[in-house]
Amino acid sequence: MGINTDNFINMTNLIEYANEVIKKYPVLESDIQGLLDLCIMEIEEGSPETHEIELCWTDIDQLVKEEDAKILSRNI
């Protein structure tokens, strides 16, 4: 996972990525939806769209890393 910087990142890419993560990590759905809502709100308030999308993508990646760490710690 992670940001593919070869392609322009847009809201469609972000939502597709978020849905993929939710399928793999259903426990993160609420947190991811909150990040998407915040991203949209920030864009509507005038923040640069690309910047907010990148921040949201990075935050989703961080949630995945934290969830993976929890899963690994349970299996030790």
N, C-alpha and C. Protein backbone atom coordinates (compact mmCIF):
# COMPACT_ATOMS: atom_id res chain seq x y z
N MET A 1 0.84 -1.17 0.00
CA MET A 1 0.00 0.00 0.00
C MET A 1 0.88 1.23 0.00
N GLY A 2 0.31 2.37 0.16
CA GLY A 2 1.07 3.59 0.18
C GLY A 2 0.76 4.43 -1.04
N ILE A 3 1.30 5.62 -1.02
CA ILE A 3 1.03 6.56 -2.11
C ILE A 3 1.86 6.18 -3.33
N ASN A 4 1.19 6.10 -4.46
CA ASN A 4 1.87 5.93 -5.73
C ASN A 4 2.10 7.31 -6.31
N THR A 5 3.32 7.82 -6.16
CA THR A 5 3.60 9.19 -6.58
C THR A 5 3.78 9.30 -8.08
N ASP A 6 3.74 8.17 -8.81
CA ASP A 6 3.86 8.23 -10.27
C ASP A 6 2.60 8.80 -10.90
N ASN A 7 1.47 8.66 -10.23
CA ASN A 7 0.19 9.11 -10.77
C ASN A 7 -0.32 10.28 -9.95
N PHE A 8 -1.05 11.16 -10.61
CA PHE A 8 -1.69 12.25 -9.89
C PHE A 8 -2.72 11.65 -8.94
N ILE A 9 -2.68 12.08 -7.72
CA ILE A 9 -3.61 11.57 -6.71
C ILE A 9 -4.84 12.47 -6.72
N ASN A 10 -6.02 11.83 -6.81
CA ASN A 10 -7.25 12.60 -6.75
C ASN A 10 -8.21 11.93 -5.77
N MET A 11 -9.35 12.55 -5.57
CA MET A 11 -10.31 12.05 -4.60
C MET A 11 -10.79 10.65 -4.97
N THR A 12 -10.95 10.38 -6.25
CA THR A 12 -11.38 9.05 -6.68
C THR A 12 -10.37 8.01 -6.25
N ASN A 13 -9.08 8.28 -6.47
CA ASN A 13 -8.03 7.35 -6.05
C ASN A 13 -8.07 7.14 -4.54
N LEU A 14 -8.25 8.22 -3.81
CA LEU A 14 -8.28 8.13 -2.35
C LEU A 14 -9.45 7.28 -1.88
N ILE A 15 -10.61 7.48 -2.43
CA ILE A 15 -11.79 6.72 -2.01
C ILE A 15 -11.62 5.24 -2.38
N GLU A 16 -11.08 4.97 -3.56
CA GLU A 16 -10.82 3.57 -3.94
C GLU A 16 -9.84 2.92 -2.97
N TYR A 17 -8.78 3.65 -2.63
CA TYR A 17 -7.80 3.13 -1.69
C TYR A 17 -8.43 2.90 -0.32
N ALA A 18 -9.21 3.86 0.14
CA ALA A 18 -9.87 3.73 1.44
C ALA A 18 -10.78 2.50 1.45
N ASN A 19 -11.52 2.28 0.38
CA ASN A 19 -12.40 1.11 0.32
C ASN A 19 -11.62 -0.20 0.33
N GLU A 20 -10.47 -0.22 -0.34
CA GLU A 20 -9.61 -1.41 -0.32
C GLU A 20 -9.13 -1.70 1.10
N VAL A 21 -8.71 -0.65 1.79
CA VAL A 21 -8.22 -0.82 3.17
C VAL A 21 -9.35 -1.30 4.08
N ILE A 22 -10.54 -0.73 3.92
CA ILE A 22 -11.68 -1.12 4.75
C ILE A 22 -12.03 -2.59 4.52
N LYS A 23 -11.93 -3.06 3.28
CA LYS A 23 -12.19 -4.48 3.00
C LYS A 23 -11.20 -5.37 3.74
N LYS A 24 -9.95 -4.95 3.77
CA LYS A 24 -8.91 -5.74 4.42
C LYS A 24 -8.91 -5.56 5.95
N TYR A 25 -9.28 -4.37 6.40
CA TYR A 25 -9.27 -4.02 7.82
C TYR A 25 -10.61 -3.40 8.22
N PRO A 26 -11.67 -4.20 8.30
CA PRO A 26 -12.99 -3.64 8.60
C PRO A 26 -13.03 -2.88 9.93
N VAL A 27 -12.17 -3.24 10.86
CA VAL A 27 -12.14 -2.57 12.15
C VAL A 27 -11.76 -1.09 12.02
N LEU A 28 -11.13 -0.72 10.92
CA LEU A 28 -10.69 0.66 10.71
C LEU A 28 -11.71 1.52 9.98
N GLU A 29 -12.86 0.95 9.64
CA GLU A 29 -13.83 1.68 8.82
C GLU A 29 -14.22 3.04 9.41
N SER A 30 -14.53 3.08 10.68
CA SER A 30 -14.96 4.32 11.31
C SER A 30 -13.84 5.37 11.27
N ASP A 31 -12.63 4.95 11.59
CA ASP A 31 -11.50 5.88 11.59
C ASP A 31 -11.23 6.40 10.18
N ILE A 32 -11.30 5.52 9.20
CA ILE A 32 -11.04 5.92 7.82
C ILE A 32 -12.14 6.87 7.34
N GLN A 33 -13.37 6.58 7.67
CA GLN A 33 -14.46 7.47 7.27
C GLN A 33 -14.27 8.85 7.90
N GLY A 34 -13.82 8.89 9.14
CA GLY A 34 -13.54 10.16 9.79
C GLY A 34 -12.44 10.94 9.08
N LEU A 35 -11.40 10.23 8.64
CA LEU A 35 -10.33 10.89 7.90
C LEU A 35 -10.82 11.42 6.56
N LEU A 36 -11.65 10.64 5.88
CA LEU A 36 -12.20 11.11 4.60
C LEU A 36 -13.08 12.34 4.81
N ASP A 37 -13.91 12.30 5.85
CA ASP A 37 -14.78 13.45 6.14
C ASP A 37 -13.94 14.69 6.43
N LEU A 38 -12.88 14.54 7.21
CA LEU A 38 -12.01 15.66 7.52
C LEU A 38 -11.34 16.20 6.26
N CYS A 39 -10.88 15.30 5.41
CA CYS A 39 -10.25 15.70 4.16
C CYS A 39 -11.21 16.54 3.32
N ILE A 40 -12.42 16.05 3.16
CA ILE A 40 -13.42 16.77 2.36
C ILE A 40 -13.73 18.13 2.98
N MET A 41 -13.87 18.17 4.30
CA MET A 41 -14.17 19.42 4.98
C MET A 41 -13.03 20.44 4.77
N GLU A 42 -11.79 19.98 4.90
CA GLU A 42 -10.65 20.88 4.72
C GLU A 42 -10.59 21.42 3.29
N ILE A 43 -10.88 20.57 2.32
CA ILE A 43 -10.89 21.01 0.92
C ILE A 43 -11.99 22.04 0.71
N GLU A 44 -13.16 21.76 1.26
CA GLU A 44 -14.28 22.71 1.12
C GLU A 44 -13.97 24.05 1.77
N GLU A 45 -13.11 24.03 2.80
CA GLU A 45 -12.75 25.28 3.48
C GLU A 45 -11.58 25.99 2.80
N GLY A 46 -11.11 25.43 1.68
CA GLY A 46 -10.11 26.13 0.90
C GLY A 46 -8.70 25.56 0.90
N SER A 47 -8.45 24.50 1.64
CA SER A 47 -7.12 23.90 1.62
C SER A 47 -6.87 23.26 0.25
N PRO A 48 -5.62 23.22 -0.19
CA PRO A 48 -5.32 22.61 -1.48
C PRO A 48 -5.72 21.13 -1.52
N GLU A 49 -6.47 20.76 -2.54
CA GLU A 49 -7.02 19.41 -2.63
C GLU A 49 -5.92 18.34 -2.61
N THR A 50 -4.90 18.51 -3.43
CA THR A 50 -3.85 17.50 -3.50
C THR A 50 -3.17 17.32 -2.15
N HIS A 51 -2.91 18.40 -1.47
CA HIS A 51 -2.26 18.34 -0.15
C HIS A 51 -3.13 17.57 0.85
N GLU A 52 -4.40 17.89 0.90
CA GLU A 52 -5.30 17.23 1.85
C GLU A 52 -5.46 15.75 1.54
N ILE A 53 -5.52 15.42 0.26
CA ILE A 53 -5.63 14.02 -0.14
C ILE A 53 -4.38 13.26 0.27
N GLU A 54 -3.22 13.85 0.05
CA GLU A 54 -1.96 13.20 0.45
C GLU A 54 -1.91 13.00 1.96
N LEU A 55 -2.36 14.01 2.72
CA LEU A 55 -2.38 13.87 4.18
C LEU A 55 -3.30 12.73 4.61
N CYS A 56 -4.47 12.67 4.01
CA CYS A 56 -5.44 11.64 4.34
C CYS A 56 -4.87 10.26 4.00
N TRP A 57 -4.26 10.14 2.84
CA TRP A 57 -3.68 8.87 2.41
C TRP A 57 -2.61 8.43 3.40
N THR A 58 -1.75 9.36 3.80
CA THR A 58 -0.70 9.06 4.77
C THR A 58 -1.29 8.64 6.11
N ASP A 59 -2.35 9.31 6.55
CA ASP A 59 -3.00 8.95 7.81
C ASP A 59 -3.62 7.56 7.73
N ILE A 60 -4.21 7.21 6.59
CA ILE A 60 -4.76 5.86 6.43
C ILE A 60 -3.63 4.84 6.48
N ASP A 61 -2.53 5.12 5.81
CA ASP A 61 -1.37 4.23 5.88
C ASP A 61 -0.91 4.01 7.31
N GLN A 62 -0.91 5.08 8.10
CA GLN A 62 -0.49 4.99 9.50
C GLN A 62 -1.44 4.10 10.29
N LEU A 63 -2.75 4.24 10.04
CA LEU A 63 -3.72 3.36 10.71
C LEU A 63 -3.44 1.90 10.39
N VAL A 64 -3.13 1.62 9.13
CA VAL A 64 -2.83 0.25 8.70
C VAL A 64 -1.59 -0.27 9.43
N LYS A 65 -0.56 0.55 9.49
CA LYS A 65 0.68 0.14 10.19
C LYS A 65 0.39 -0.16 11.66
N GLU A 66 -0.40 0.69 12.30
CA GLU A 66 -0.74 0.48 13.70
C GLU A 66 -1.57 -0.79 13.89
N GLU A 67 -2.51 -1.04 12.98
CA GLU A 67 -3.33 -2.24 13.07
C GLU A 67 -2.49 -3.49 12.82
N ASP A 68 -1.59 -3.44 11.86
CA ASP A 68 -0.68 -4.56 11.61
C ASP A 68 0.17 -4.86 12.85
N ALA A 69 0.64 -3.80 13.51
CA ALA A 69 1.45 -3.99 14.73
C ALA A 69 0.62 -4.65 15.82
N LYS A 70 -0.66 -4.27 15.95
CA LYS A 70 -1.54 -4.91 16.94
C LYS A 70 -1.72 -6.38 16.63
N ILE A 71 -1.94 -6.68 15.35
CA ILE A 71 -2.13 -8.07 14.93
C ILE A 71 -0.89 -8.88 15.22
N LEU A 72 0.27 -8.33 14.90
CA LEU A 72 1.54 -9.04 15.15
C LEU A 72 1.75 -9.26 16.65
N SER A 73 1.44 -8.27 17.46
CA SER A 73 1.66 -8.42 18.91
C SER A 73 0.74 -9.47 19.51
N ARG A 74 -0.46 -9.63 18.94
CA ARG A 74 -1.38 -10.67 19.42
C ARG A 74 -0.88 -12.06 19.07
N ASN A 75 -0.12 -12.15 17.99
CA ASN A 75 0.33 -13.46 17.51
C ASN A 75 1.66 -13.89 18.10
N ILE A 76 2.24 -13.05 18.93
CA ILE A 76 3.54 -13.39 19.52
C ILE A 76 3.35 -14.22 20.76
